[in-house]
Amino acid sequence: MQKLSFLIFGTLLALTSCTKETPIANVDCSTVTFSNVIFPIFEQNCNLSGCHGGNTYNGTFTSYNNIKTIVNNGQLRSTVLDFRTMPQGGSLTSEQLGQIQCWLDDGAPQ
C-alpha cells in the first residue's frame, strides 16, 4: 500500500510540474512600441511559413493592419495571454508576454 501511495504521489507531482506556465512580467510599458518591440516578437515567433506568415485562415502577422484585425476580435489576447496556446511548439518569454500585455492594454497602437 505504501508503494502505491508513493507511485500516485510521484505521478501527480510529475504531472503538475509539467503544466507550469510562464508568468507575465511587469515591464515598463512606456518603452513598448509596435515597431520596436511587438512586431519583432511576432516576426520571430508567429510570422513563419505554415503559421501566420502567409495567407492562412487564422490571419497573417505580416503587417500592423493584419495583426490589429486579430487584436480587435479578441483572438490575440485569448490565445497568447489567456490560454497560452500560441505560439505552437514553444512559448514566449515572461518579458515578451508582459510587453504584449502592455501593448494590448494600451489599445494596441501603431
PDB file of N, CA and C in Angstrom:
ATOM      1  N   MET A   1       0.814  -1.192   0.000  1.00  0.00           N
ATOM      2  CA  MET A   1       0.000   0.000   0.000  1.00  0.00           C
ATOM      3  C   MET A   1       0.866   1.269   0.000  1.00  0.00           C
ATOM      4  N   GLN A   2       1.959   1.215   0.764  1.00  0.00           N
ATOM      5  CA  GLN A   2       2.835   2.381   0.841  1.00  0.00           C
ATOM      6  C   GLN A   2       3.498   2.643  -0.513  1.00  0.00           C
ATOM      7  N   LYS A   3       3.856   1.583  -1.239  1.00  0.00           N
ATOM      8  CA  LYS A   3       4.463   1.760  -2.561  1.00  0.00           C
ATOM      9  C   LYS A   3       3.472   2.407  -3.519  1.00  0.00           C
ATOM     10  N   LEU A   4       2.216   1.997  -3.432  1.00  0.00           N
ATOM     11  CA  LEU A   4       1.188   2.577  -4.288  1.00  0.00           C
ATOM     12  C   LEU A   4       1.004   4.067  -3.982  1.00  0.00           C
ATOM     13  N   SER A   5       1.048   4.425  -2.720  1.00  0.00           N
ATOM     14  CA  SER A   5       0.919   5.834  -2.329  1.00  0.00           C
ATOM     15  C   SER A   5       2.064   6.667  -2.899  1.00  0.00           C
ATOM     16  N   PHE A   6       3.284   6.141  -2.827  1.00  0.00           N
ATOM     17  CA  PHE A   6       4.436   6.853  -3.388  1.00  0.00           C
ATOM     18  C   PHE A   6       4.319   6.968  -4.904  1.00  0.00           C
ATOM     19  N   LEU A   7       3.827   5.923  -5.555  1.00  0.00           N
ATOM     20  CA  LEU A   7       3.656   5.941  -7.006  1.00  0.00           C
ATOM     21  C   LEU A   7       2.629   7.001  -7.404  1.00  0.00           C
ATOM     22  N   ILE A   8       1.512   7.037  -6.712  1.00  0.00           N
ATOM     23  CA  ILE A   8       0.481   8.028  -7.014  1.00  0.00           C
ATOM     24  C   ILE A   8       1.005   9.436  -6.755  1.00  0.00           C
ATOM     25  N   PHE A   9       1.660   9.639  -5.634  1.00  0.00           N
ATOM     26  CA  PHE A   9       2.219  10.947  -5.300  1.00  0.00           C
ATOM     27  C   PHE A   9       3.237  11.393  -6.353  1.00  0.00           C
ATOM     28  N   GLY A  10       4.115  10.492  -6.754  1.00  0.00           N
ATOM     29  CA  GLY A  10       5.130  10.815  -7.756  1.00  0.00           C
ATOM     30  C   GLY A  10       4.516  11.165  -9.097  1.00  0.00           C
ATOM     31  N   THR A  11       3.488  10.431  -9.487  1.00  0.00           N
ATOM     32  CA  THR A  11       2.806  10.700 -10.750  1.00  0.00           C
ATOM     33  C   THR A  11       2.133  12.070 -10.717  1.00  0.00           C
ATOM     34  N   LEU A  12       1.430  12.362  -9.643  1.00  0.00           N
ATOM     35  CA  LEU A  12       0.775  13.666  -9.516  1.00  0.00           C
ATOM     36  C   LEU A  12       1.785  14.810  -9.506  1.00  0.00           C
ATOM     37  N   LEU A  13       2.882  14.623  -8.837  1.00  0.00           N
ATOM     38  CA  LEU A  13       3.927  15.639  -8.799  1.00  0.00           C
ATOM     39  C   LEU A  13       4.483  15.894 -10.196  1.00  0.00           C
ATOM     40  N   ALA A  14       4.735  14.829 -10.932  1.00  0.00           N
ATOM     41  CA  ALA A  14       5.268  14.970 -12.290  1.00  0.00           C
ATOM     42  C   ALA A  14       4.274  15.683 -13.198  1.00  0.00           C
ATOM     43  N   LEU A  15       3.011  15.339 -13.097  1.00  0.00           N
ATOM     44  CA  LEU A  15       2.004  15.960 -13.950  1.00  0.00           C
ATOM     45  C   LEU A  15       1.812  17.437 -13.636  1.00  0.00           C
ATOM     46  N   THR A  16       1.801  17.788 -12.382  1.00  0.00           N
ATOM     47  CA  THR A  16       1.603  19.196 -12.035  1.00  0.00           C
ATOM     48  C   THR A  16       2.824  20.043 -12.349  1.00  0.00           C
ATOM     49  N   SER A  17       3.994  19.486 -12.295  1.00  0.00           N
ATOM     50  CA  SER A  17       5.192  20.268 -12.599  1.00  0.00           C
ATOM     51  C   SER A  17       5.335  20.525 -14.084  1.00  0.00           C
ATOM     52  N   CYS A  18       4.702  19.727 -14.915  1.00  0.00           N
ATOM     53  CA  CYS A  18       4.792  19.898 -16.358  1.00  0.00           C
ATOM     54  C   CYS A  18       3.865  20.988 -16.878  1.00  0.00           C
ATOM     55  N   THR A  19       2.921  21.427 -16.087  1.00  0.00           N
ATOM     56  CA  THR A  19       1.946  22.395 -16.571  1.00  0.00           C
ATOM     57  C   THR A  19       2.206  23.811 -16.066  1.00  0.00           C
ATOM     58  N   LYS A  20       3.355  24.061 -15.528  1.00  0.00           N
ATOM     59  CA  LYS A  20       3.660  25.389 -15.002  1.00  0.00           C
ATOM     60  C   LYS A  20       3.753  26.389 -16.149  1.00  0.00           C
ATOM     61  N   GLU A  21       3.008  27.461 -16.033  1.00  0.00           N
ATOM     62  CA  GLU A  21       3.014  28.486 -17.058  1.00  0.00           C
ATOM     63  C   GLU A  21       4.084  29.533 -16.768  1.00  0.00           C
ATOM     64  N   THR A  22       4.569  30.128 -17.827  1.00  0.00           N
ATOM     65  CA  THR A  22       5.500  31.238 -17.691  1.00  0.00           C
ATOM     66  C   THR A  22       4.731  32.436 -17.143  1.00  0.00           C
ATOM     67  N   PRO A  23       5.203  33.044 -16.082  1.00  0.00           N
ATOM     68  CA  PRO A  23       4.496  34.213 -15.545  1.00  0.00           C
ATOM     69  C   PRO A  23       4.637  35.409 -16.485  1.00  0.00           C
ATOM     70  N   ILE A  24       3.682  36.307 -16.404  1.00  0.00           N
ATOM     71  CA  ILE A  24       3.742  37.530 -17.197  1.00  0.00           C
ATOM     72  C   ILE A  24       4.501  38.573 -16.381  1.00  0.00           C
ATOM     73  N   ALA A  25       5.597  39.051 -16.940  1.00  0.00           N
ATOM     74  CA  ALA A  25       6.457  40.008 -16.234  1.00  0.00           C
ATOM     75  C   ALA A  25       5.826  41.394 -16.191  1.00  0.00           C
ATOM     76  N   ASN A  26       6.143  42.114 -15.153  1.00  0.00           N
ATOM     77  CA  ASN A  26       5.805  43.538 -15.089  1.00  0.00           C
ATOM     78  C   ASN A  26       6.911  44.278 -15.825  1.00  0.00           C
ATOM     79  N   VAL A  27       6.554  44.911 -16.926  1.00  0.00           N
ATOM     80  CA  VAL A  27       7.551  45.617 -17.731  1.00  0.00           C
ATOM     81  C   VAL A  27       7.203  47.100 -17.777  1.00  0.00           C
ATOM     82  N   ASP A  28       8.170  47.895 -18.168  1.00  0.00           N
ATOM     83  CA  ASP A  28       7.967  49.332 -18.338  1.00  0.00           C
ATOM     84  C   ASP A  28       7.202  49.544 -19.639  1.00  0.00           C
ATOM     85  N   CYS A  29       5.921  49.811 -19.530  1.00  0.00           N
ATOM     86  CA  CYS A  29       5.071  49.932 -20.713  1.00  0.00           C
ATOM     87  C   CYS A  29       5.430  51.132 -21.587  1.00  0.00           C
ATOM     88  N   SER A  30       6.107  52.112 -21.028  1.00  0.00           N
ATOM     89  CA  SER A  30       6.455  53.300 -21.813  1.00  0.00           C
ATOM     90  C   SER A  30       7.471  52.987 -22.905  1.00  0.00           C
ATOM     91  N   THR A  31       8.155  51.869 -22.797  1.00  0.00           N
ATOM     92  CA  THR A  31       9.159  51.509 -23.804  1.00  0.00           C
ATOM     93  C   THR A  31       8.605  50.573 -24.877  1.00  0.00           C
ATOM     94  N   VAL A  32       7.346  50.168 -24.737  1.00  0.00           N
ATOM     95  CA  VAL A  32       6.763  49.191 -25.657  1.00  0.00           C
ATOM     96  C   VAL A  32       6.097  49.910 -26.822  1.00  0.00           C
ATOM     97  N   THR A  33       6.647  49.696 -28.022  1.00  0.00           N
ATOM     98  CA  THR A  33       6.048  50.228 -29.244  1.00  0.00           C
ATOM     99  C   THR A  33       5.843  49.077 -30.213  1.00  0.00           C
ATOM    100  N   PHE A  34       4.938  49.285 -31.159  1.00  0.00           N
ATOM    101  CA  PHE A  34       4.674  48.225 -32.128  1.00  0.00           C
ATOM    102  C   PHE A  34       5.908  47.923 -32.963  1.00  0.00           C
ATOM    103  N   SER A  35       6.507  48.952 -33.533  1.00  0.00           N
ATOM    104  CA  SER A  35       7.607  48.716 -34.477  1.00  0.00           C
ATOM    105  C   SER A  35       8.882  48.212 -33.818  1.00  0.00           C
ATOM    106  N   ASN A  36       9.189  48.676 -32.626  1.00  0.00           N
ATOM    107  CA  ASN A  36      10.457  48.292 -31.995  1.00  0.00           C
ATOM    108  C   ASN A  36      10.379  47.069 -31.093  1.00  0.00           C
ATOM    109  N   VAL A  37       9.201  46.740 -30.574  1.00  0.00           N
ATOM    110  CA  VAL A  37       9.094  45.634 -29.622  1.00  0.00           C
ATOM    111  C   VAL A  37       8.110  44.563 -30.091  1.00  0.00           C
ATOM    112  N   ILE A  38       6.875  44.963 -30.376  1.00  0.00           N
ATOM    113  CA  ILE A  38       5.810  43.995 -30.642  1.00  0.00           C
ATOM    114  C   ILE A  38       5.995  43.283 -31.979  1.00  0.00           C
ATOM    115  N   PHE A  39       6.187  44.044 -33.051  1.00  0.00           N
ATOM    116  CA  PHE A  39       6.329  43.395 -34.356  1.00  0.00           C
ATOM    117  C   PHE A  39       7.511  42.428 -34.397  1.00  0.00           C
ATOM    118  N   PRO A  40       8.677  42.772 -33.838  1.00  0.00           N
ATOM    119  CA  PRO A  40       9.768  41.788 -33.817  1.00  0.00           C
ATOM    120  C   PRO A  40       9.414  40.496 -33.058  1.00  0.00           C
ATOM    121  N   ILE A  41       8.626  40.596 -31.989  1.00  0.00           N
ATOM    122  CA  ILE A  41       8.197  39.380 -31.278  1.00  0.00           C
ATOM    123  C   ILE A  41       7.357  38.515 -32.203  1.00  0.00           C
ATOM    124  N   PHE A  42       6.383  39.133 -32.883  1.00  0.00           N
ATOM    125  CA  PHE A  42       5.521  38.377 -33.790  1.00  0.00           C
ATOM    126  C   PHE A  42       6.300  37.849 -34.989  1.00  0.00           C
ATOM    127  N   GLU A  43       7.210  38.656 -35.490  1.00  0.00           N
ATOM    128  CA  GLU A  43       8.009  38.244 -36.643  1.00  0.00           C
ATOM    129  C   GLU A  43       8.856  37.014 -36.318  1.00  0.00           C
ATOM    130  N   GLN A  44       9.421  36.983 -35.139  1.00  0.00           N
ATOM    131  CA  GLN A  44      10.294  35.884 -34.730  1.00  0.00           C
ATOM    132  C   GLN A  44       9.514  34.630 -34.339  1.00  0.00           C
ATOM    133  N   ASN A  45       8.334  34.780 -33.766  1.00  0.00           N
ATOM    134  CA  ASN A  45       7.625  33.643 -33.195  1.00  0.00           C
ATOM    135  C   ASN A  45       6.354  33.231 -33.933  1.00  0.00           C
ATOM    136  N   CYS A  46       5.787  34.118 -34.742  1.00  0.00           N
ATOM    137  CA  CYS A  46       4.480  33.842 -35.340  1.00  0.00           C
ATOM    138  C   CYS A  46       4.473  33.959 -36.863  1.00  0.00           C
ATOM    139  N   ASN A  47       5.209  34.897 -37.393  1.00  0.00           N
ATOM    140  CA  ASN A  47       5.209  35.202 -38.817  1.00  0.00           C
ATOM    141  C   ASN A  47       6.118  34.233 -39.565  1.00  0.00           C
ATOM    142  N   LEU A  48       5.759  32.967 -39.500  1.00  0.00           N
ATOM    143  CA  LEU A  48       6.568  31.909 -40.090  1.00  0.00           C
ATOM    144  C   LEU A  48       5.763  31.167 -41.139  1.00  0.00           C
ATOM    145  N   SER A  49       6.425  30.550 -42.077  1.00  0.00           N
ATOM    146  CA  SER A  49       5.745  29.742 -43.076  1.00  0.00           C
ATOM    147  C   SER A  49       4.990  28.611 -42.385  1.00  0.00           C
ATOM    148  N   GLY A  50       3.747  28.439 -42.750  1.00  0.00           N
ATOM    149  CA  GLY A  50       2.929  27.403 -42.134  1.00  0.00           C
ATOM    150  C   GLY A  50       2.228  27.868 -40.878  1.00  0.00           C
ATOM    151  N   CYS A  51       2.545  29.059 -40.418  1.00  0.00           N
ATOM    152  CA  CYS A  51       1.882  29.609 -39.223  1.00  0.00           C
ATOM    153  C   CYS A  51       1.091  30.845 -39.650  1.00  0.00           C
ATOM    154  N   HIS A  52       1.573  32.017 -39.313  1.00  0.00           N
ATOM    155  CA  HIS A  52       0.883  33.259 -39.658  1.00  0.00           C
ATOM    156  C   HIS A  52       1.706  34.095 -40.633  1.00  0.00           C
ATOM    157  N   GLY A  53       2.537  33.445 -41.431  1.00  0.00           N
ATOM    158  CA  GLY A  53       3.405  34.163 -42.341  1.00  0.00           C
ATOM    159  C   GLY A  53       2.866  34.335 -43.737  1.00  0.00           C
ATOM    160  N   GLY A  54       1.797  33.665 -44.059  1.00  0.00           N
ATOM    161  CA  GLY A  54       1.237  33.763 -45.396  1.00  0.00           C
ATOM    162  C   GLY A  54      -0.262  33.903 -45.323  1.00  0.00           C
ATOM    163  N   ASN A  55      -0.916  33.534 -46.384  1.00  0.00           N
ATOM    164  CA  ASN A  55      -2.373  33.614 -46.424  1.00  0.00           C
ATOM    165  C   ASN A  55      -2.972  32.405 -45.726  1.00  0.00           C
ATOM    166  N   THR A  56      -3.138  32.498 -44.431  1.00  0.00           N
ATOM    167  CA  THR A  56      -3.726  31.407 -43.665  1.00  0.00           C
ATOM    168  C   THR A  56      -5.099  31.821 -43.181  1.00  0.00           C
ATOM    169  N   TYR A  57      -5.925  30.847 -42.889  1.00  0.00           N
ATOM    170  CA  TYR A  57      -7.268  31.154 -42.415  1.00  0.00           C
ATOM    171  C   TYR A  57      -7.245  31.756 -41.014  1.00  0.00           C
ATOM    172  N   ASN A  58      -6.128  31.622 -40.315  1.00  0.00           N
ATOM    173  CA  ASN A  58      -6.005  32.169 -38.965  1.00  0.00           C
ATOM    174  C   ASN A  58      -5.489  33.594 -38.954  1.00  0.00           C
ATOM    175  N   GLY A  59      -5.249  34.160 -40.101  1.00  0.00           N
ATOM    176  CA  GLY A  59      -4.741  35.522 -40.165  1.00  0.00           C
ATOM    177  C   GLY A  59      -3.239  35.559 -40.305  1.00  0.00           C
ATOM    178  N   THR A  60      -2.770  36.631 -40.894  1.00  0.00           N
ATOM    179  CA  THR A  60      -1.334  36.783 -41.085  1.00  0.00           C
ATOM    180  C   THR A  60      -0.802  37.850 -40.137  1.00  0.00           C
ATOM    181  N   PHE A  61       0.458  37.712 -39.806  1.00  0.00           N
ATOM    182  CA  PHE A  61       1.128  38.653 -38.915  1.00  0.00           C
ATOM    183  C   PHE A  61       2.187  39.423 -39.695  1.00  0.00           C
ATOM    184  N   THR A  62       1.869  39.787 -40.923  1.00  0.00           N
ATOM    185  CA  THR A  62       2.849  40.434 -41.783  1.00  0.00           C
ATOM    186  C   THR A  62       2.781  41.955 -41.748  1.00  0.00           C
ATOM    187  N   SER A  63       1.742  42.516 -41.143  1.00  0.00           N
ATOM    188  CA  SER A  63       1.623  43.972 -41.068  1.00  0.00           C
ATOM    189  C   SER A  63       0.802  44.363 -39.847  1.00  0.00           C
ATOM    190  N   TYR A  64       0.876  45.633 -39.501  1.00  0.00           N
ATOM    191  CA  TYR A  64       0.097  46.132 -38.366  1.00  0.00           C
ATOM    192  C   TYR A  64      -1.397  45.909 -38.595  1.00  0.00           C
ATOM    193  N   ASN A  65      -1.883  46.242 -39.788  1.00  0.00           N
ATOM    194  CA  ASN A  65      -3.318  46.114 -40.060  1.00  0.00           C
ATOM    195  C   ASN A  65      -3.804  44.679 -39.910  1.00  0.00           C
ATOM    196  N   ASN A  66      -3.022  43.726 -40.380  1.00  0.00           N
ATOM    197  CA  ASN A  66      -3.414  42.318 -40.238  1.00  0.00           C
ATOM    198  C   ASN A  66      -3.441  41.903 -38.767  1.00  0.00           C
ATOM    199  N   ILE A  67      -2.444  42.316 -38.017  1.00  0.00           N
ATOM    200  CA  ILE A  67      -2.377  41.968 -36.595  1.00  0.00           C
ATOM    201  C   ILE A  67      -3.500  42.662 -35.833  1.00  0.00           C
ATOM    202  N   LYS A  68      -3.788  43.901 -36.175  1.00  0.00           N
ATOM    203  CA  LYS A  68      -4.843  44.660 -35.491  1.00  0.00           C
ATOM    204  C   LYS A  68      -6.206  43.989 -35.667  1.00  0.00           C
ATOM    205  N   THR A  69      -6.451  43.370 -36.807  1.00  0.00           N
ATOM    206  CA  THR A  69      -7.699  42.634 -37.015  1.00  0.00           C
ATOM    207  C   THR A  69      -7.832  41.508 -36.001  1.00  0.00           C
ATOM    208  N   ILE A  70      -6.737  40.805 -35.747  1.00  0.00           N
ATOM    209  CA  ILE A  70      -6.742  39.697 -34.785  1.00  0.00           C
ATOM    210  C   ILE A  70      -6.859  40.234 -33.360  1.00  0.00           C
ATOM    211  N   VAL A  71      -6.294  41.405 -33.121  1.00  0.00           N
ATOM    212  CA  VAL A  71      -6.437  42.053 -31.813  1.00  0.00           C
ATOM    213  C   VAL A  71      -7.900  42.439 -31.585  1.00  0.00           C
ATOM    214  N   ASN A  72      -8.518  43.044 -32.594  1.00  0.00           N
ATOM    215  CA  ASN A  72      -9.881  43.555 -32.451  1.00  0.00           C
ATOM    216  C   ASN A  72     -10.912  42.463 -32.180  1.00  0.00           C
ATOM    217  N   ASN A  73     -10.692  41.262 -32.704  1.00  0.00           N
ATOM    218  CA  ASN A  73     -11.675  40.202 -32.450  1.00  0.00           C
ATOM    219  C   ASN A  73     -11.386  39.433 -31.159  1.00  0.00           C
ATOM    220  N   GLY A  74     -10.343  39.838 -30.435  1.00  0.00           N
ATOM    221  CA  GLY A  74     -10.037  39.232 -29.141  1.00  0.00           C
ATOM    222  C   GLY A  74      -9.219  37.960 -29.206  1.00  0.00           C
ATOM    223  N   GLN A  75      -8.953  37.497 -30.413  1.00  0.00           N
ATOM    224  CA  GLN A  75      -8.249  36.226 -30.572  1.00  0.00           C
ATOM    225  C   GLN A  75      -6.798  36.299 -30.100  1.00  0.00           C
ATOM    226  N   LEU A  76      -6.136  37.412 -30.313  1.00  0.00           N
ATOM    227  CA  LEU A  76      -4.729  37.513 -29.922  1.00  0.00           C
ATOM    228  C   LEU A  76      -4.570  37.415 -28.406  1.00  0.00           C
ATOM    229  N   ARG A  77      -5.361  38.188 -27.670  1.00  0.00           N
ATOM    230  CA  ARG A  77      -5.263  38.155 -26.206  1.00  0.00           C
ATOM    231  C   ARG A  77      -5.579  36.757 -25.671  1.00  0.00           C
ATOM    232  N   SER A  78      -6.623  36.139 -26.196  1.00  0.00           N
ATOM    233  CA  SER A  78      -7.015  34.837 -25.647  1.00  0.00           C
ATOM    234  C   SER A  78      -5.999  33.744 -25.957  1.00  0.00           C
ATOM    235  N   THR A  79      -5.448  33.727 -27.154  1.00  0.00           N
ATOM    236  CA  THR A  79      -4.527  32.642 -27.498  1.00  0.00           C
ATOM    237  C   THR A  79      -3.111  32.854 -26.980  1.00  0.00           C
ATOM    238  N   VAL A  80      -2.686  34.103 -26.850  1.00  0.00           N
ATOM    239  CA  VAL A  80      -1.313  34.376 -26.404  1.00  0.00           C
ATOM    240  C   VAL A  80      -1.227  34.570 -24.888  1.00  0.00           C
ATOM    241  N   LEU A  81      -2.152  35.310 -24.315  1.00  0.00           N
ATOM    242  CA  LEU A  81      -2.058  35.640 -22.888  1.00  0.00           C
ATOM    243  C   LEU A  81      -2.953  34.782 -21.994  1.00  0.00           C
ATOM    244  N   ASP A  82      -4.205  34.584 -22.394  1.00  0.00           N
ATOM    245  CA  ASP A  82      -5.149  33.898 -21.512  1.00  0.00           C
ATOM    246  C   ASP A  82      -4.949  32.384 -21.493  1.00  0.00           C
ATOM    247  N   PHE A  83      -4.996  31.756 -22.672  1.00  0.00           N
ATOM    248  CA  PHE A  83      -4.904  30.299 -22.735  1.00  0.00           C
ATOM    249  C   PHE A  83      -3.518  29.786 -23.100  1.00  0.00           C
ATOM    250  N   ARG A  84      -2.662  30.675 -23.598  1.00  0.00           N
ATOM    251  CA  ARG A  84      -1.270  30.349 -23.946  1.00  0.00           C
ATOM    252  C   ARG A  84      -1.160  29.185 -24.937  1.00  0.00           C
ATOM    253  N   THR A  85      -2.057  29.154 -25.911  1.00  0.00           N
ATOM    254  CA  THR A  85      -1.995  28.112 -26.932  1.00  0.00           C
ATOM    255  C   THR A  85      -1.108  28.509 -28.105  1.00  0.00           C
ATOM    256  N   MET A  86      -0.676  29.744 -28.132  1.00  0.00           N
ATOM    257  CA  MET A  86       0.217  30.230 -29.175  1.00  0.00           C
ATOM    258  C   MET A  86       1.414  30.900 -28.523  1.00  0.00           C
ATOM    259  N   PRO A  87       2.547  30.855 -29.159  1.00  0.00           N
ATOM    260  CA  PRO A  87       2.854  30.161 -30.402  1.00  0.00           C
ATOM    261  C   PRO A  87       2.966  28.653 -30.194  1.00  0.00           C
ATOM    262  N   GLN A  88       2.626  27.935 -31.236  1.00  0.00           N
ATOM    263  CA  GLN A  88       2.718  26.481 -31.168  1.00  0.00           C
ATOM    264  C   GLN A  88       4.182  26.062 -31.165  1.00  0.00           C
ATOM    265  N   GLY A  89       4.478  25.017 -30.436  1.00  0.00           N
ATOM    266  CA  GLY A  89       5.830  24.478 -30.421  1.00  0.00           C
ATOM    267  C   GLY A  89       6.804  25.232 -29.541  1.00  0.00           C
ATOM    268  N   GLY A  90       6.327  26.169 -28.767  1.00  0.00           N
ATOM    269  CA  GLY A  90       7.208  26.923 -27.889  1.00  0.00           C
ATOM    270  C   GLY A  90       6.412  27.934 -27.108  1.00  0.00           C
ATOM    271  N   SER A  91       7.098  28.707 -26.329  1.00  0.00           N
ATOM    272  CA  SER A  91       6.380  29.735 -25.589  1.00  0.00           C
ATOM    273  C   SER A  91       7.194  31.018 -25.593  1.00  0.00           C
ATOM    274  N   LEU A  92       6.496  32.096 -25.356  1.00  0.00           N
ATOM    275  CA  LEU A  92       7.156  33.386 -25.276  1.00  0.00           C
ATOM    276  C   LEU A  92       7.781  33.541 -23.899  1.00  0.00           C
ATOM    277  N   THR A  93       8.752  34.416 -23.804  1.00  0.00           N
ATOM    278  CA  THR A  93       9.380  34.669 -22.510  1.00  0.00           C
ATOM    279  C   THR A  93       8.425  35.478 -21.635  1.00  0.00           C
ATOM    280  N   SER A  94       8.722  35.508 -20.374  1.00  0.00           N
ATOM    281  CA  SER A  94       7.942  36.284 -19.420  1.00  0.00           C
ATOM    282  C   SER A  94       7.910  37.761 -19.824  1.00  0.00           C
ATOM    283  N   GLU A  95       9.045  38.271 -20.255  1.00  0.00           N
ATOM    284  CA  GLU A  95       9.128  39.669 -20.679  1.00  0.00           C
ATOM    285  C   GLU A  95       8.307  39.919 -21.940  1.00  0.00           C
ATOM    286  N   GLN A  96       8.376  39.013 -22.910  1.00  0.00           N
ATOM    287  CA  GLN A  96       7.593  39.173 -24.134  1.00  0.00           C
ATOM    288  C   GLN A  96       6.094  39.174 -23.832  1.00  0.00           C
ATOM    289  N   LEU A  97       5.667  38.282 -22.942  1.00  0.00           N
ATOM    290  CA  LEU A  97       4.256  38.255 -22.550  1.00  0.00           C
ATOM    291  C   LEU A  97       3.857  39.578 -21.905  1.00  0.00           C
ATOM    292  N   GLY A  98       4.714  40.112 -21.055  1.00  0.00           N
ATOM    293  CA  GLY A  98       4.441  41.395 -20.414  1.00  0.00           C
ATOM    294  C   GLY A  98       4.362  42.534 -21.414  1.00  0.00           C
ATOM    295  N   GLN A  99       5.238  42.505 -22.403  1.00  0.00           N
ATOM    296  CA  GLN A  99       5.239  43.551 -23.425  1.00  0.00           C
ATOM    297  C   GLN A  99       3.964  43.496 -24.263  1.00  0.00           C
ATOM    298  N   ILE A 100       3.542  42.298 -24.625  1.00  0.00           N
ATOM    299  CA  ILE A 100       2.303  42.155 -25.395  1.00  0.00           C
ATOM    300  C   ILE A 100       1.111  42.614 -24.560  1.00  0.00           C
ATOM    301  N   GLN A 101       1.098  42.262 -23.291  1.00  0.00           N
ATOM    302  CA  GLN A 101       0.005  42.691 -22.424  1.00  0.00           C
ATOM    303  C   GLN A 101      -0.042  44.218 -22.321  1.00  0.00           C
ATOM    304  N   CYS A 102       1.111  44.859 -22.158  1.00  0.00           N
ATOM    305  CA  CYS A 102       1.166  46.332 -22.124  1.00  0.00           C
ATOM    306  C   CYS A 102       0.577  46.924 -23.395  1.00  0.00           C
ATOM    307  N   TRP A 103       1.016  46.406 -24.521  1.00  0.00           N
ATOM    308  CA  TRP A 103       0.582  46.918 -25.817  1.00  0.00           C
ATOM    309  C   TRP A 103      -0.925  46.763 -25.982  1.00  0.00           C
ATOM    310  N   LEU A 104      -1.451  45.596 -25.631  1.00  0.00           N
ATOM    311  CA  LEU A 104      -2.891  45.370 -25.741  1.00  0.00           C
ATOM    312  C   LEU A 104      -3.665  46.264 -24.773  1.00  0.00           C
ATOM    313  N   ASP A 105      -3.186  46.366 -23.543  1.00  0.00           N
ATOM    314  CA  ASP A 105      -3.859  47.203 -22.544  1.00  0.00           C
ATOM    315  C   ASP A 105      -3.867  48.677 -22.943  1.00  0.00           C
ATOM    316  N   ASP A 106      -2.891  49.079 -23.757  1.00  0.00           N
ATOM    317  CA  ASP A 106      -2.794  50.462 -24.232  1.00  0.00           C
ATOM    318  C   ASP A 106      -3.622  50.689 -25.499  1.00  0.00           C
ATOM    319  N   GLY A 107      -4.357  49.678 -25.949  1.00  0.00           N
ATOM    320  CA  GLY A 107      -5.183  49.812 -27.138  1.00  0.00           C
ATOM    321  C   GLY A 107      -4.510  49.377 -28.420  1.00  0.00           C
ATOM    322  N   ALA A 108      -3.366  48.711 -28.321  1.00  0.00           N
ATOM    323  CA  ALA A 108      -2.616  48.192 -29.473  1.00  0.00           C
ATOM    324  C   ALA A 108      -2.305  49.277 -30.505  1.00  0.00           C
ATOM    325  N   PRO A 109      -1.645  50.366 -30.070  1.00  0.00           N
ATOM    326  CA  PRO A 109      -1.357  51.454 -31.007  1.00  0.00           C
ATOM    327  C   PRO A 109      -0.265  51.090 -32.015  1.00  0.00           C
ATOM    328  N   GLN A 110      -0.332  51.784 -33.142  1.00  0.00           N
ATOM    329  CA  GLN A 110       0.686  51.566 -34.160  1.00  0.00           C
ATOM    330  C   GLN A 110       1.895  52.395 -33.812  1.00  0.00           C
TER     331      GLN A 110
END
